[in-house]
Amino acid sequence: MKEAWAVLRDAGPGRLLLGGAGVALGLVGVWQFLAQVPTTGWVRVGIWLVAGVAVHDGVLAPLGVVSGWLVARRAPASARPAVRLAGLAILTVLLLAVPLLATGGLRR
C-alpha cells in the first residue's frame, strides 16, 4: 500500500487530473447503471460481463496472438505495424457489427 501512495505523490498534475476525470466518469457510469437499469436486469448485465470476459480471454486474445504471429512471419518488417493496426481495426469493426447483424440491428 505504501508504494501506491508513493506513485500518487510522485504523479504530475496532468496525470492526477486524468486520474480524477477517470474516477469521476466511472462514478457517473455507476450512477447511470443504478438509475437506468432495473434491478431485474442486473443478473443479465452480470452474465453479459462474465461472458464478455470469457469470450475475450478464450477466443479473441488467442486469435490476436496467432494472427499477430502469422503477420510477423509473412509481412515485411517495415509493413508489420500497419498490417497489425489494420487487423486490429478490422477485428474491432467485426466485433461491433456481427452482434448487430445477428440480432437484426438496434432495438428500442
N, C-alpha and C. Protein backbone atom coordinates (compact mmCIF):
# COMPACT_ATOMS: atom_id res chain seq x y z
N MET A 1 0.82 -1.19 0.00
CA MET A 1 0.00 0.00 0.00
C MET A 1 0.86 1.24 0.00
N LYS A 2 2.01 1.14 0.63
CA LYS A 2 2.90 2.29 0.70
C LYS A 2 3.37 2.71 -0.70
N GLU A 3 3.60 1.71 -1.56
CA GLU A 3 4.08 2.01 -2.91
C GLU A 3 3.03 2.77 -3.70
N ALA A 4 1.76 2.44 -3.50
CA ALA A 4 0.69 3.13 -4.23
C ALA A 4 0.65 4.60 -3.87
N TRP A 5 0.82 4.92 -2.60
CA TRP A 5 0.83 6.33 -2.19
C TRP A 5 2.05 7.04 -2.74
N ALA A 6 3.18 6.34 -2.85
CA ALA A 6 4.38 6.96 -3.42
C ALA A 6 4.17 7.30 -4.89
N VAL A 7 3.51 6.41 -5.61
CA VAL A 7 3.21 6.67 -7.02
C VAL A 7 2.28 7.86 -7.14
N LEU A 8 1.26 7.92 -6.30
CA LEU A 8 0.32 9.03 -6.32
C LEU A 8 1.02 10.35 -5.98
N ARG A 9 1.90 10.32 -5.00
CA ARG A 9 2.62 11.52 -4.58
C ARG A 9 3.56 12.03 -5.69
N ASP A 10 4.15 11.12 -6.44
CA ASP A 10 5.10 11.50 -7.47
C ASP A 10 4.45 11.81 -8.81
N ALA A 11 3.14 11.61 -8.93
CA ALA A 11 2.45 11.87 -10.19
C ALA A 11 2.37 13.37 -10.44
N GLY A 12 2.47 13.75 -11.69
CA GLY A 12 2.36 15.15 -12.06
C GLY A 12 0.91 15.61 -12.07
N PRO A 13 0.70 16.91 -12.24
CA PRO A 13 -0.68 17.43 -12.21
C PRO A 13 -1.53 16.91 -13.36
N GLY A 14 -0.94 16.70 -14.53
CA GLY A 14 -1.71 16.17 -15.66
C GLY A 14 -2.21 14.76 -15.39
N ARG A 15 -1.35 13.94 -14.82
CA ARG A 15 -1.75 12.57 -14.51
C ARG A 15 -2.82 12.54 -13.43
N LEU A 16 -2.69 13.40 -12.43
CA LEU A 16 -3.70 13.48 -11.39
C LEU A 16 -5.04 13.95 -11.95
N LEU A 17 -4.99 14.91 -12.88
CA LEU A 17 -6.21 15.41 -13.50
C LEU A 17 -6.90 14.32 -14.31
N LEU A 18 -6.12 13.58 -15.10
CA LEU A 18 -6.68 12.48 -15.88
C LEU A 18 -7.23 11.38 -14.99
N GLY A 19 -6.50 11.07 -13.93
CA GLY A 19 -6.97 10.05 -12.99
C GLY A 19 -8.26 10.47 -12.31
N GLY A 20 -8.33 11.73 -11.91
CA GLY A 20 -9.56 12.23 -11.29
C GLY A 20 -10.72 12.22 -12.26
N ALA A 21 -10.46 12.58 -13.52
CA ALA A 21 -11.52 12.54 -14.53
C ALA A 21 -11.99 11.11 -14.76
N GLY A 22 -11.07 10.15 -14.75
CA GLY A 22 -11.44 8.75 -14.91
C GLY A 22 -12.29 8.25 -13.77
N VAL A 23 -11.92 8.61 -12.55
CA VAL A 23 -12.72 8.21 -11.39
C VAL A 23 -14.10 8.85 -11.46
N ALA A 24 -14.16 10.13 -11.83
CA ALA A 24 -15.45 10.83 -11.92
C ALA A 24 -16.34 10.18 -12.99
N LEU A 25 -15.78 9.86 -14.15
CA LEU A 25 -16.58 9.21 -15.19
C LEU A 25 -17.02 7.82 -14.79
N GLY A 26 -16.17 7.12 -14.06
CA GLY A 26 -16.57 5.81 -13.55
C GLY A 26 -17.75 5.91 -12.59
N LEU A 27 -17.72 6.92 -11.72
CA LEU A 27 -18.83 7.13 -10.80
C LEU A 27 -20.11 7.52 -11.54
N VAL A 28 -19.98 8.31 -12.62
CA VAL A 28 -21.14 8.64 -13.44
C VAL A 28 -21.72 7.37 -14.06
N GLY A 29 -20.86 6.47 -14.51
CA GLY A 29 -21.32 5.21 -15.08
C GLY A 29 -22.06 4.36 -14.06
N VAL A 30 -21.53 4.30 -12.84
CA VAL A 30 -22.21 3.55 -11.78
C VAL A 30 -23.56 4.19 -11.48
N TRP A 31 -23.58 5.51 -11.39
CA TRP A 31 -24.83 6.22 -11.13
C TRP A 31 -25.86 5.94 -12.23
N GLN A 32 -25.43 6.01 -13.48
CA GLN A 32 -26.34 5.75 -14.59
C GLN A 32 -26.83 4.30 -14.57
N PHE A 33 -25.94 3.38 -14.27
CA PHE A 33 -26.34 1.97 -14.19
C PHE A 33 -27.42 1.79 -13.13
N LEU A 34 -27.20 2.35 -11.95
CA LEU A 34 -28.17 2.20 -10.87
C LEU A 34 -29.48 2.90 -11.18
N ALA A 35 -29.41 4.03 -11.91
CA ALA A 35 -30.62 4.79 -12.20
C ALA A 35 -31.38 4.25 -13.41
N GLN A 36 -30.70 3.69 -14.39
CA GLN A 36 -31.34 3.32 -15.65
C GLN A 36 -31.67 1.84 -15.78
N VAL A 37 -30.90 0.97 -15.16
CA VAL A 37 -31.11 -0.47 -15.32
C VAL A 37 -31.98 -0.95 -14.16
N PRO A 38 -33.13 -1.54 -14.46
CA PRO A 38 -33.97 -2.06 -13.37
C PRO A 38 -33.26 -3.21 -12.65
N THR A 39 -33.58 -3.39 -11.40
CA THR A 39 -32.90 -4.43 -10.61
C THR A 39 -33.11 -5.82 -11.19
N THR A 40 -34.19 -6.01 -11.92
CA THR A 40 -34.41 -7.31 -12.56
C THR A 40 -33.43 -7.58 -13.69
N GLY A 41 -32.80 -6.54 -14.21
CA GLY A 41 -31.85 -6.70 -15.30
C GLY A 41 -30.41 -6.83 -14.86
N TRP A 42 -30.15 -6.71 -13.57
CA TRP A 42 -28.77 -6.75 -13.08
C TRP A 42 -28.12 -8.12 -13.32
N VAL A 43 -28.89 -9.17 -13.19
CA VAL A 43 -28.34 -10.51 -13.42
C VAL A 43 -27.94 -10.66 -14.88
N ARG A 44 -28.77 -10.17 -15.79
CA ARG A 44 -28.44 -10.24 -17.22
C ARG A 44 -27.18 -9.45 -17.54
N VAL A 45 -27.03 -8.29 -16.92
CA VAL A 45 -25.83 -7.48 -17.13
C VAL A 45 -24.61 -8.23 -16.60
N GLY A 46 -24.73 -8.83 -15.44
CA GLY A 46 -23.60 -9.61 -14.88
C GLY A 46 -23.22 -10.78 -15.77
N ILE A 47 -24.22 -11.49 -16.28
CA ILE A 47 -23.94 -12.61 -17.20
C ILE A 47 -23.25 -12.10 -18.45
N TRP A 48 -23.73 -10.97 -18.97
CA TRP A 48 -23.13 -10.40 -20.17
C TRP A 48 -21.66 -10.02 -19.92
N LEU A 49 -21.37 -9.45 -18.76
CA LEU A 49 -19.99 -9.07 -18.44
C LEU A 49 -19.10 -10.29 -18.30
N VAL A 50 -19.58 -11.33 -17.62
CA VAL A 50 -18.78 -12.55 -17.46
C VAL A 50 -18.56 -13.21 -18.82
N ALA A 51 -19.61 -13.27 -19.64
CA ALA A 51 -19.47 -13.86 -20.97
C ALA A 51 -18.49 -13.06 -21.82
N GLY A 52 -18.52 -11.74 -21.69
CA GLY A 52 -17.58 -10.90 -22.44
C GLY A 52 -16.14 -11.19 -22.08
N VAL A 53 -15.87 -11.34 -20.80
CA VAL A 53 -14.50 -11.67 -20.36
C VAL A 53 -14.11 -13.06 -20.87
N ALA A 54 -15.02 -14.01 -20.77
CA ALA A 54 -14.72 -15.37 -21.22
C ALA A 54 -14.45 -15.42 -22.73
N VAL A 55 -15.26 -14.72 -23.50
CA VAL A 55 -15.05 -14.70 -24.96
C VAL A 55 -13.74 -13.99 -25.29
N HIS A 56 -13.45 -12.90 -24.60
CA HIS A 56 -12.20 -12.19 -24.87
C HIS A 56 -11.00 -13.08 -24.56
N ASP A 57 -10.98 -13.67 -23.36
CA ASP A 57 -9.82 -14.44 -22.94
C ASP A 57 -9.74 -15.79 -23.64
N GLY A 58 -10.88 -16.36 -24.01
CA GLY A 58 -10.86 -17.68 -24.62
C GLY A 58 -10.80 -17.69 -26.12
N VAL A 59 -11.26 -16.61 -26.76
CA VAL A 59 -11.33 -16.60 -28.22
C VAL A 59 -10.51 -15.45 -28.82
N LEU A 60 -10.83 -14.24 -28.41
CA LEU A 60 -10.23 -13.08 -29.08
C LEU A 60 -8.74 -12.91 -28.80
N ALA A 61 -8.33 -13.07 -27.56
CA ALA A 61 -6.91 -12.90 -27.25
C ALA A 61 -6.05 -13.95 -27.97
N PRO A 62 -6.41 -15.24 -27.91
CA PRO A 62 -5.63 -16.21 -28.68
C PRO A 62 -5.66 -15.94 -30.19
N LEU A 63 -6.82 -15.51 -30.70
CA LEU A 63 -6.91 -15.18 -32.12
C LEU A 63 -5.97 -14.03 -32.46
N GLY A 64 -5.91 -13.04 -31.61
CA GLY A 64 -5.00 -11.92 -31.84
C GLY A 64 -3.54 -12.34 -31.79
N VAL A 65 -3.19 -13.20 -30.86
CA VAL A 65 -1.81 -13.68 -30.76
C VAL A 65 -1.43 -14.48 -31.99
N VAL A 66 -2.30 -15.39 -32.42
CA VAL A 66 -2.00 -16.22 -33.59
C VAL A 66 -1.93 -15.37 -34.86
N SER A 67 -2.87 -14.44 -35.02
CA SER A 67 -2.82 -13.60 -36.23
C SER A 67 -1.60 -12.69 -36.21
N GLY A 68 -1.23 -12.17 -35.05
CA GLY A 68 -0.01 -11.36 -34.97
C GLY A 68 1.23 -12.18 -35.30
N TRP A 69 1.25 -13.42 -34.85
CA TRP A 69 2.38 -14.29 -35.15
C TRP A 69 2.45 -14.58 -36.65
N LEU A 70 1.28 -14.82 -37.27
CA LEU A 70 1.26 -15.07 -38.71
C LEU A 70 1.70 -13.84 -39.50
N VAL A 71 1.27 -12.67 -39.07
CA VAL A 71 1.67 -11.44 -39.75
C VAL A 71 3.18 -11.23 -39.59
N ALA A 72 3.69 -11.46 -38.39
CA ALA A 72 5.11 -11.26 -38.14
C ALA A 72 5.97 -12.20 -39.00
N ARG A 73 5.43 -13.35 -39.31
CA ARG A 73 6.20 -14.29 -40.13
C ARG A 73 6.18 -13.94 -41.61
N ARG A 74 5.10 -13.35 -42.09
CA ARG A 74 4.92 -13.20 -43.53
C ARG A 74 5.08 -11.77 -44.05
N ALA A 75 4.79 -10.80 -43.25
CA ALA A 75 4.85 -9.41 -43.72
C ALA A 75 6.27 -8.87 -43.64
N PRO A 76 6.62 -7.96 -44.56
CA PRO A 76 7.94 -7.32 -44.45
C PRO A 76 8.02 -6.51 -43.15
N ALA A 77 9.20 -6.39 -42.61
CA ALA A 77 9.39 -5.73 -41.32
C ALA A 77 8.84 -4.30 -41.31
N SER A 78 8.98 -3.59 -42.42
CA SER A 78 8.52 -2.20 -42.45
C SER A 78 6.99 -2.09 -42.48
N ALA A 79 6.31 -3.14 -42.93
CA ALA A 79 4.85 -3.10 -43.05
C ALA A 79 4.13 -3.70 -41.86
N ARG A 80 4.83 -4.38 -40.97
CA ARG A 80 4.18 -5.08 -39.86
C ARG A 80 3.32 -4.19 -38.97
N PRO A 81 3.79 -3.04 -38.54
CA PRO A 81 2.92 -2.21 -37.68
C PRO A 81 1.62 -1.81 -38.37
N ALA A 82 1.70 -1.44 -39.64
CA ALA A 82 0.50 -1.02 -40.37
C ALA A 82 -0.46 -2.20 -40.56
N VAL A 83 0.07 -3.36 -40.86
CA VAL A 83 -0.77 -4.54 -41.06
C VAL A 83 -1.42 -4.95 -39.75
N ARG A 84 -0.68 -4.89 -38.66
CA ARG A 84 -1.26 -5.22 -37.35
C ARG A 84 -2.35 -4.23 -36.97
N LEU A 85 -2.13 -2.96 -37.23
CA LEU A 85 -3.14 -1.95 -36.93
C LEU A 85 -4.39 -2.17 -37.77
N ALA A 86 -4.22 -2.49 -39.04
CA ALA A 86 -5.36 -2.77 -39.90
C ALA A 86 -6.12 -3.99 -39.40
N GLY A 87 -5.40 -5.02 -39.00
CA GLY A 87 -6.05 -6.22 -38.46
C GLY A 87 -6.84 -5.92 -37.19
N LEU A 88 -6.27 -5.09 -36.32
CA LEU A 88 -6.96 -4.71 -35.10
C LEU A 88 -8.22 -3.92 -35.41
N ALA A 89 -8.14 -3.02 -36.38
CA ALA A 89 -9.31 -2.23 -36.76
C ALA A 89 -10.40 -3.12 -37.36
N ILE A 90 -10.01 -4.05 -38.21
CA ILE A 90 -10.99 -4.96 -38.82
C ILE A 90 -11.64 -5.83 -37.75
N LEU A 91 -10.86 -6.35 -36.81
CA LEU A 91 -11.41 -7.17 -35.74
C LEU A 91 -12.38 -6.37 -34.87
N THR A 92 -12.05 -5.12 -34.60
CA THR A 92 -12.92 -4.28 -33.79
C THR A 92 -14.25 -4.03 -34.50
N VAL A 93 -14.19 -3.72 -35.79
CA VAL A 93 -15.42 -3.49 -36.55
C VAL A 93 -16.26 -4.77 -36.60
N LEU A 94 -15.61 -5.91 -36.78
CA LEU A 94 -16.34 -7.17 -36.80
C LEU A 94 -17.01 -7.45 -35.46
N LEU A 95 -16.31 -7.15 -34.37
CA LEU A 95 -16.89 -7.37 -33.05
C LEU A 95 -18.12 -6.52 -32.82
N LEU A 96 -18.14 -5.34 -33.40
CA LEU A 96 -19.29 -4.47 -33.24
C LEU A 96 -20.39 -4.82 -34.23
N ALA A 97 -20.02 -5.23 -35.43
CA ALA A 97 -21.01 -5.45 -36.49
C ALA A 97 -21.71 -6.80 -36.39
N VAL A 98 -21.00 -7.85 -36.05
CA VAL A 98 -21.60 -9.18 -36.05
C VAL A 98 -22.78 -9.29 -35.09
N PRO A 99 -22.67 -8.83 -33.84
CA PRO A 99 -23.86 -8.91 -32.97
C PRO A 99 -25.03 -8.08 -33.50
N LEU A 100 -24.75 -6.94 -34.08
CA LEU A 100 -25.84 -6.13 -34.63
C LEU A 100 -26.50 -6.83 -35.81
N LEU A 101 -25.71 -7.42 -36.66
CA LEU A 101 -26.28 -8.13 -37.81
C LEU A 101 -26.99 -9.41 -37.39
N ALA A 102 -26.47 -10.09 -36.40
CA ALA A 102 -27.06 -11.35 -35.96
C ALA A 102 -28.40 -11.15 -35.25
N THR A 103 -28.56 -10.01 -34.59
CA THR A 103 -29.79 -9.78 -33.84
C THR A 103 -30.78 -8.90 -34.59
N GLY A 104 -30.45 -8.48 -35.78
CA GLY A 104 -31.39 -7.66 -36.55
C GLY A 104 -31.23 -6.18 -36.31
N GLY A 105 -30.13 -5.75 -35.76
CA GLY A 105 -29.88 -4.33 -35.58
C GLY A 105 -30.25 -3.83 -34.19
N LEU A 106 -30.21 -2.53 -34.05
CA LEU A 106 -30.53 -1.92 -32.77
C LEU A 106 -32.02 -2.03 -32.49
N ARG A 107 -32.34 -2.34 -31.26
CA ARG A 107 -33.75 -2.43 -30.85
C ARG A 107 -34.03 -1.37 -29.80
N ARG A 108 -35.10 -0.70 -29.97
CA ARG A 108 -35.51 0.32 -28.99
C ARG A 108 -36.93 0.08 -28.60
